[in-house]
N, C-alpha and C. Protein backbone atom coordinates (compact mmCIF):
# COMPACT_ATOMS: atom_id res chain seq x y z
N MET A 1 0.84 -1.19 0.00
CA MET A 1 0.00 0.00 0.00
C MET A 1 0.88 1.24 0.00
N PRO A 2 0.58 2.21 -0.83
CA PRO A 2 1.40 3.42 -0.87
C PRO A 2 1.31 4.19 0.45
N ASN A 3 2.42 4.76 0.87
CA ASN A 3 2.40 5.53 2.11
C ASN A 3 2.82 6.96 1.86
N ASP A 4 2.74 7.41 0.62
CA ASP A 4 3.05 8.77 0.26
C ASP A 4 2.06 9.70 0.96
N TRP A 5 2.50 10.84 1.42
CA TRP A 5 1.61 11.70 2.20
C TRP A 5 0.45 12.24 1.37
N SER A 6 0.67 12.48 0.08
CA SER A 6 -0.42 12.97 -0.76
C SER A 6 -1.51 11.91 -0.94
N TYR A 7 -1.09 10.64 -0.97
CA TYR A 7 -2.05 9.54 -1.04
C TYR A 7 -2.90 9.51 0.23
N LEU A 8 -2.25 9.69 1.38
CA LEU A 8 -2.97 9.70 2.66
C LEU A 8 -3.96 10.87 2.72
N VAL A 9 -3.56 12.02 2.19
CA VAL A 9 -4.44 13.19 2.18
C VAL A 9 -5.69 12.91 1.35
N GLU A 10 -5.51 12.30 0.18
CA GLU A 10 -6.65 11.99 -0.68
C GLU A 10 -7.57 10.96 -0.03
N LEU A 11 -6.97 10.02 0.69
CA LEU A 11 -7.74 8.97 1.33
C LEU A 11 -8.62 9.51 2.46
N GLN A 12 -8.09 10.46 3.22
CA GLN A 12 -8.79 11.02 4.39
C GLN A 12 -9.33 12.42 4.10
N LYS A 13 -9.86 12.63 2.92
CA LYS A 13 -10.20 13.96 2.41
C LYS A 13 -11.11 14.78 3.32
N ASN A 14 -12.15 14.18 3.87
CA ASN A 14 -13.15 14.95 4.63
C ASN A 14 -13.07 14.73 6.14
N LYS A 15 -11.92 14.32 6.64
CA LYS A 15 -11.76 14.09 8.08
C LYS A 15 -10.75 15.08 8.64
N PRO A 16 -11.22 16.19 9.22
CA PRO A 16 -10.31 17.26 9.65
C PRO A 16 -9.26 16.81 10.68
N GLY A 17 -9.66 16.01 11.65
CA GLY A 17 -8.71 15.58 12.68
C GLY A 17 -7.58 14.75 12.10
N THR A 18 -7.93 13.85 11.20
CA THR A 18 -6.93 12.99 10.58
C THR A 18 -6.04 13.79 9.64
N LEU A 19 -6.62 14.76 8.91
CA LEU A 19 -5.82 15.59 8.02
C LEU A 19 -4.78 16.40 8.80
N ALA A 20 -5.17 16.89 9.98
CA ALA A 20 -4.22 17.65 10.81
C ALA A 20 -3.06 16.76 11.23
N LYS A 21 -3.35 15.53 11.61
CA LYS A 21 -2.29 14.61 12.01
C LYS A 21 -1.38 14.28 10.84
N ILE A 22 -1.97 14.08 9.65
CA ILE A 22 -1.17 13.77 8.46
C ILE A 22 -0.26 14.95 8.13
N LEU A 23 -0.79 16.17 8.21
CA LEU A 23 0.02 17.35 7.90
C LEU A 23 1.14 17.54 8.91
N LYS A 24 0.88 17.24 10.17
CA LYS A 24 1.91 17.40 11.21
C LYS A 24 2.95 16.28 11.17
N ASN A 25 2.53 15.05 10.89
CA ASN A 25 3.44 13.91 11.02
C ASN A 25 3.97 13.36 9.71
N ASN A 26 3.19 13.39 8.63
CA ASN A 26 3.59 12.70 7.40
C ASN A 26 4.01 13.63 6.27
N ALA A 27 3.74 14.92 6.40
CA ALA A 27 4.11 15.85 5.32
C ALA A 27 5.63 16.02 5.27
N PRO A 28 6.17 16.23 4.09
CA PRO A 28 7.61 16.45 3.97
C PRO A 28 8.05 17.73 4.69
N ARG A 29 9.34 17.80 4.98
CA ARG A 29 9.89 18.93 5.73
C ARG A 29 9.62 20.26 5.04
N TYR A 30 9.78 20.31 3.72
CA TYR A 30 9.60 21.59 3.03
C TYR A 30 8.16 22.10 3.15
N VAL A 31 7.19 21.21 3.21
CA VAL A 31 5.79 21.62 3.37
C VAL A 31 5.58 22.19 4.77
N LYS A 32 6.12 21.50 5.78
CA LYS A 32 5.98 21.98 7.16
C LYS A 32 6.63 23.35 7.33
N GLU A 33 7.82 23.54 6.72
CA GLU A 33 8.51 24.84 6.82
C GLU A 33 7.71 25.94 6.15
N GLU A 34 7.12 25.65 5.00
CA GLU A 34 6.32 26.66 4.30
C GLU A 34 5.06 27.01 5.09
N VAL A 35 4.44 26.03 5.73
CA VAL A 35 3.25 26.30 6.55
C VAL A 35 3.64 27.18 7.74
N ARG A 36 4.78 26.88 8.37
CA ARG A 36 5.26 27.73 9.48
C ARG A 36 5.51 29.16 9.00
N ARG A 37 6.06 29.30 7.79
CA ARG A 37 6.32 30.62 7.23
C ARG A 37 5.02 31.39 7.02
N LEU A 38 3.99 30.69 6.52
CA LEU A 38 2.68 31.34 6.33
C LEU A 38 2.09 31.81 7.65
N ILE A 39 2.28 31.00 8.69
CA ILE A 39 1.77 31.39 10.01
C ILE A 39 2.52 32.61 10.53
N LYS A 40 3.85 32.65 10.37
CA LYS A 40 4.65 33.79 10.82
C LYS A 40 4.27 35.07 10.07
N GLU A 41 4.02 34.95 8.77
CA GLU A 41 3.65 36.12 7.97
C GLU A 41 2.22 36.58 8.26
N GLY A 42 1.43 35.75 8.91
CA GLY A 42 0.06 36.12 9.26
C GLY A 42 -0.96 35.83 8.18
N LYS A 43 -0.58 35.08 7.17
CA LYS A 43 -1.53 34.73 6.11
C LYS A 43 -2.55 33.71 6.59
N ILE A 44 -2.14 32.86 7.53
CA ILE A 44 -3.07 31.93 8.17
C ILE A 44 -2.80 31.96 9.68
N LYS A 45 -3.80 31.59 10.47
CA LYS A 45 -3.63 31.60 11.93
C LYS A 45 -2.95 30.33 12.41
N ASN A 46 -3.43 29.20 11.90
CA ASN A 46 -2.87 27.91 12.32
C ASN A 46 -3.17 26.85 11.27
N ILE A 47 -2.69 25.64 11.52
CA ILE A 47 -2.89 24.53 10.59
C ILE A 47 -4.37 24.21 10.43
N GLN A 48 -5.10 24.33 11.52
CA GLN A 48 -6.52 24.00 11.51
C GLN A 48 -7.29 24.85 10.51
N GLU A 49 -6.86 26.10 10.33
CA GLU A 49 -7.52 26.99 9.38
C GLU A 49 -7.39 26.46 7.95
N LEU A 50 -6.21 25.95 7.60
CA LEU A 50 -6.00 25.34 6.28
C LEU A 50 -6.93 24.15 6.07
N ILE A 51 -7.01 23.32 7.09
CA ILE A 51 -7.80 22.09 7.00
C ILE A 51 -9.29 22.41 6.90
N GLU A 52 -9.75 23.39 7.69
CA GLU A 52 -11.15 23.78 7.63
C GLU A 52 -11.51 24.33 6.25
N LYS A 53 -10.59 25.08 5.65
CA LYS A 53 -10.83 25.61 4.31
C LYS A 53 -10.94 24.48 3.29
N ALA A 54 -10.06 23.49 3.43
CA ALA A 54 -10.09 22.35 2.50
C ALA A 54 -11.40 21.57 2.63
N VAL A 55 -11.86 21.33 3.85
CA VAL A 55 -13.07 20.55 4.07
C VAL A 55 -14.31 21.34 3.67
N SER A 56 -14.36 22.63 4.02
CA SER A 56 -15.55 23.43 3.71
C SER A 56 -15.73 23.64 2.20
N GLU A 57 -14.61 23.79 1.47
CA GLU A 57 -14.70 23.98 0.02
C GLU A 57 -14.66 22.67 -0.74
N ASN A 58 -14.60 21.56 0.00
CA ASN A 58 -14.56 20.20 -0.57
C ASN A 58 -13.40 20.05 -1.56
N LYS A 59 -12.24 20.58 -1.16
CA LYS A 59 -11.03 20.48 -1.98
C LYS A 59 -10.03 19.59 -1.25
N SER A 60 -9.06 19.14 -2.00
CA SER A 60 -7.96 18.40 -1.40
C SER A 60 -7.07 19.39 -0.65
N LEU A 61 -6.46 18.93 0.43
CA LEU A 61 -5.55 19.77 1.20
C LEU A 61 -4.39 20.23 0.33
N ILE A 62 -3.98 19.38 -0.59
CA ILE A 62 -2.87 19.72 -1.48
C ILE A 62 -3.26 20.89 -2.40
N LYS A 63 -4.50 20.92 -2.87
CA LYS A 63 -4.98 22.03 -3.71
C LYS A 63 -5.00 23.34 -2.91
N VAL A 64 -5.41 23.26 -1.64
CA VAL A 64 -5.43 24.45 -0.78
C VAL A 64 -4.01 24.95 -0.55
N LEU A 65 -3.07 24.03 -0.32
CA LEU A 65 -1.67 24.43 -0.14
C LEU A 65 -1.12 25.07 -1.40
N GLU A 66 -1.53 24.58 -2.58
CA GLU A 66 -1.08 25.17 -3.83
C GLU A 66 -1.62 26.60 -4.00
N GLU A 67 -2.81 26.86 -3.48
CA GLU A 67 -3.36 28.22 -3.53
C GLU A 67 -2.49 29.18 -2.72
N TYR A 68 -1.87 28.69 -1.66
CA TYR A 68 -0.98 29.50 -0.84
C TYR A 68 0.46 29.48 -1.35
N GLY A 69 0.70 28.82 -2.48
CA GLY A 69 2.02 28.83 -3.08
C GLY A 69 2.93 27.70 -2.65
N ILE A 70 2.39 26.68 -2.02
CA ILE A 70 3.19 25.53 -1.60
C ILE A 70 2.94 24.40 -2.59
N LYS A 71 3.92 24.11 -3.40
CA LYS A 71 3.79 23.05 -4.42
C LYS A 71 4.26 21.73 -3.85
N ASN A 72 3.62 20.65 -4.25
CA ASN A 72 4.02 19.30 -3.86
C ASN A 72 5.07 18.81 -4.84
N LYS A 73 6.25 18.52 -4.35
CA LYS A 73 7.34 18.08 -5.23
C LYS A 73 7.16 16.61 -5.55
N GLU A 74 7.24 16.29 -6.82
CA GLU A 74 7.22 14.89 -7.24
C GLU A 74 8.65 14.38 -7.23
N ARG A 75 8.83 13.13 -6.83
CA ARG A 75 10.16 12.55 -6.84
C ARG A 75 10.59 12.30 -8.27
N LYS A 76 11.85 12.67 -8.58
CA LYS A 76 12.36 12.48 -9.93
C LYS A 76 13.33 11.31 -10.00
N PHE A 77 14.01 11.03 -8.89
CA PHE A 77 15.03 9.99 -8.86
C PHE A 77 14.78 9.07 -7.68
N GLY A 78 15.34 7.88 -7.75
CA GLY A 78 15.29 6.96 -6.61
C GLY A 78 14.08 6.06 -6.62
N LYS A 79 14.02 5.28 -5.57
CA LYS A 79 12.99 4.25 -5.45
C LYS A 79 11.57 4.84 -5.41
N GLY A 80 11.42 5.98 -4.78
CA GLY A 80 10.10 6.58 -4.63
C GLY A 80 9.53 7.20 -5.89
N SER A 81 10.32 7.29 -6.94
CA SER A 81 9.85 7.95 -8.15
C SER A 81 9.05 7.01 -9.05
N ILE A 82 9.17 5.70 -8.84
CA ILE A 82 8.51 4.72 -9.70
C ILE A 82 7.53 3.90 -8.87
N ARG A 83 6.32 3.76 -9.38
CA ARG A 83 5.28 2.99 -8.68
C ARG A 83 4.74 1.90 -9.57
N CYS A 84 4.21 0.88 -8.93
CA CYS A 84 3.49 -0.17 -9.64
C CYS A 84 2.19 0.43 -10.17
N ILE A 85 1.87 0.16 -11.43
CA ILE A 85 0.65 0.75 -12.00
C ILE A 85 -0.61 0.06 -11.50
N ILE A 86 -0.47 -1.09 -10.84
CA ILE A 86 -1.63 -1.82 -10.35
C ILE A 86 -1.92 -1.49 -8.89
N CYS A 87 -0.91 -1.68 -8.02
CA CYS A 87 -1.16 -1.51 -6.59
C CYS A 87 -0.53 -0.26 -5.99
N GLY A 88 0.36 0.41 -6.73
CA GLY A 88 0.96 1.65 -6.25
C GLY A 88 2.18 1.46 -5.37
N SER A 89 2.66 0.24 -5.22
CA SER A 89 3.82 -0.04 -4.37
C SER A 89 5.11 0.46 -5.04
N HIS A 90 6.10 0.78 -4.19
CA HIS A 90 7.42 1.17 -4.69
C HIS A 90 8.38 -0.02 -4.69
N ASP A 91 7.98 -1.14 -4.13
CA ASP A 91 8.87 -2.29 -3.94
C ASP A 91 8.95 -3.15 -5.19
N ARG A 92 10.17 -3.55 -5.57
CA ARG A 92 10.43 -4.52 -6.64
C ARG A 92 9.72 -4.17 -7.94
N VAL A 93 9.74 -2.94 -8.35
CA VAL A 93 9.07 -2.55 -9.60
C VAL A 93 9.91 -3.00 -10.79
N ILE A 94 9.28 -3.75 -11.69
CA ILE A 94 9.94 -4.27 -12.88
C ILE A 94 9.76 -3.24 -13.99
N ARG A 95 10.89 -2.67 -14.44
CA ARG A 95 10.83 -1.64 -15.47
C ARG A 95 11.15 -2.19 -16.84
N ARG A 96 11.65 -3.39 -16.88
CA ARG A 96 12.02 -3.99 -18.15
C ARG A 96 10.78 -4.11 -19.04
N TYR A 97 10.96 -3.88 -20.30
CA TYR A 97 9.88 -3.88 -21.30
C TYR A 97 8.83 -2.81 -20.99
N LYS A 98 9.16 -1.87 -20.13
CA LYS A 98 8.28 -0.74 -19.75
C LYS A 98 6.94 -1.21 -19.21
N ILE A 99 6.95 -2.26 -18.35
CA ILE A 99 5.68 -2.72 -17.79
C ILE A 99 5.36 -2.08 -16.44
N TYR A 100 6.36 -1.63 -15.67
CA TYR A 100 6.17 -0.92 -14.41
C TYR A 100 5.17 -1.60 -13.48
N ILE A 101 5.42 -2.88 -13.21
CA ILE A 101 4.59 -3.66 -12.30
C ILE A 101 5.49 -4.22 -11.21
N CYS A 102 5.02 -4.22 -9.96
CA CYS A 102 5.84 -4.75 -8.87
C CYS A 102 5.91 -6.27 -8.97
N GLY A 103 6.85 -6.86 -8.26
CA GLY A 103 7.08 -8.30 -8.32
C GLY A 103 5.86 -9.11 -7.92
N ARG A 104 5.15 -8.64 -6.92
CA ARG A 104 3.96 -9.36 -6.44
C ARG A 104 2.87 -9.39 -7.51
N CYS A 105 2.57 -8.25 -8.09
CA CYS A 105 1.55 -8.20 -9.14
C CYS A 105 2.00 -8.96 -10.38
N PHE A 106 3.31 -8.91 -10.67
CA PHE A 106 3.81 -9.62 -11.83
C PHE A 106 3.61 -11.11 -11.69
N ARG A 107 3.87 -11.66 -10.49
CA ARG A 107 3.68 -13.10 -10.28
C ARG A 107 2.23 -13.49 -10.47
N GLU A 108 1.32 -12.62 -10.06
CA GLU A 108 -0.11 -12.91 -10.21
C GLU A 108 -0.55 -12.85 -11.67
N MET A 109 0.09 -11.96 -12.46
CA MET A 109 -0.39 -11.71 -13.81
C MET A 109 0.55 -12.20 -14.91
N ALA A 110 1.59 -12.96 -14.57
CA ALA A 110 2.62 -13.34 -15.55
C ALA A 110 2.03 -14.08 -16.75
N LYS A 111 1.17 -15.06 -16.50
CA LYS A 111 0.59 -15.83 -17.60
C LYS A 111 -0.28 -14.95 -18.49
N GLU A 112 -1.06 -14.07 -17.88
CA GLU A 112 -1.91 -13.18 -18.66
C GLU A 112 -1.10 -12.23 -19.53
N LEU A 113 0.10 -11.88 -19.06
CA LEU A 113 0.97 -10.98 -19.82
C LEU A 113 1.77 -11.71 -20.90
N GLY A 114 1.69 -13.05 -20.90
CA GLY A 114 2.37 -13.83 -21.93
C GLY A 114 3.75 -14.34 -21.55
N PHE A 115 4.07 -14.35 -20.25
CA PHE A 115 5.35 -14.87 -19.79
C PHE A 115 5.20 -16.31 -19.36
N LYS A 116 6.28 -17.07 -19.47
CA LYS A 116 6.27 -18.46 -18.99
C LYS A 116 6.48 -18.45 -17.50
N VAL A 117 5.67 -19.18 -16.76
CA VAL A 117 5.81 -19.25 -15.32
C VAL A 117 6.63 -20.48 -14.97
N MET A 118 7.78 -20.27 -14.36
CA MET A 118 8.66 -21.36 -13.98
C MET A 118 8.44 -21.70 -12.50
N GLY A 119 8.59 -22.94 -12.15
CA GLY A 119 8.51 -23.34 -10.74
C GLY A 119 7.12 -23.63 -10.24
N GLU A 120 6.18 -23.87 -11.12
CA GLU A 120 4.83 -24.22 -10.64
C GLU A 120 4.50 -25.64 -10.98
């Protein structure tokens, strides 16, 4: 299961208490620093104000942060930049032949994809 913070935000879209915990504990450092900067500048009072705006306007917290100028950085390099197209996992992603499927999903779907299954 993906544990990216933006995935968690989308999953818990209309739950203000959970969104506050995700923003405090799971958000990347640059997002937390930018939120602190907004509070210091007086653009927002606290984190709860951001979350209430997201829930009341039925928007994603990430969209509200983008309105305040905080962009969500996508990973360009490393393990976190590639996901399984089926389950979203970062583990054991097979990039050969441009299939981008993790090892677990590949084992389940190997015959359907036209590969020979050895060891069965």
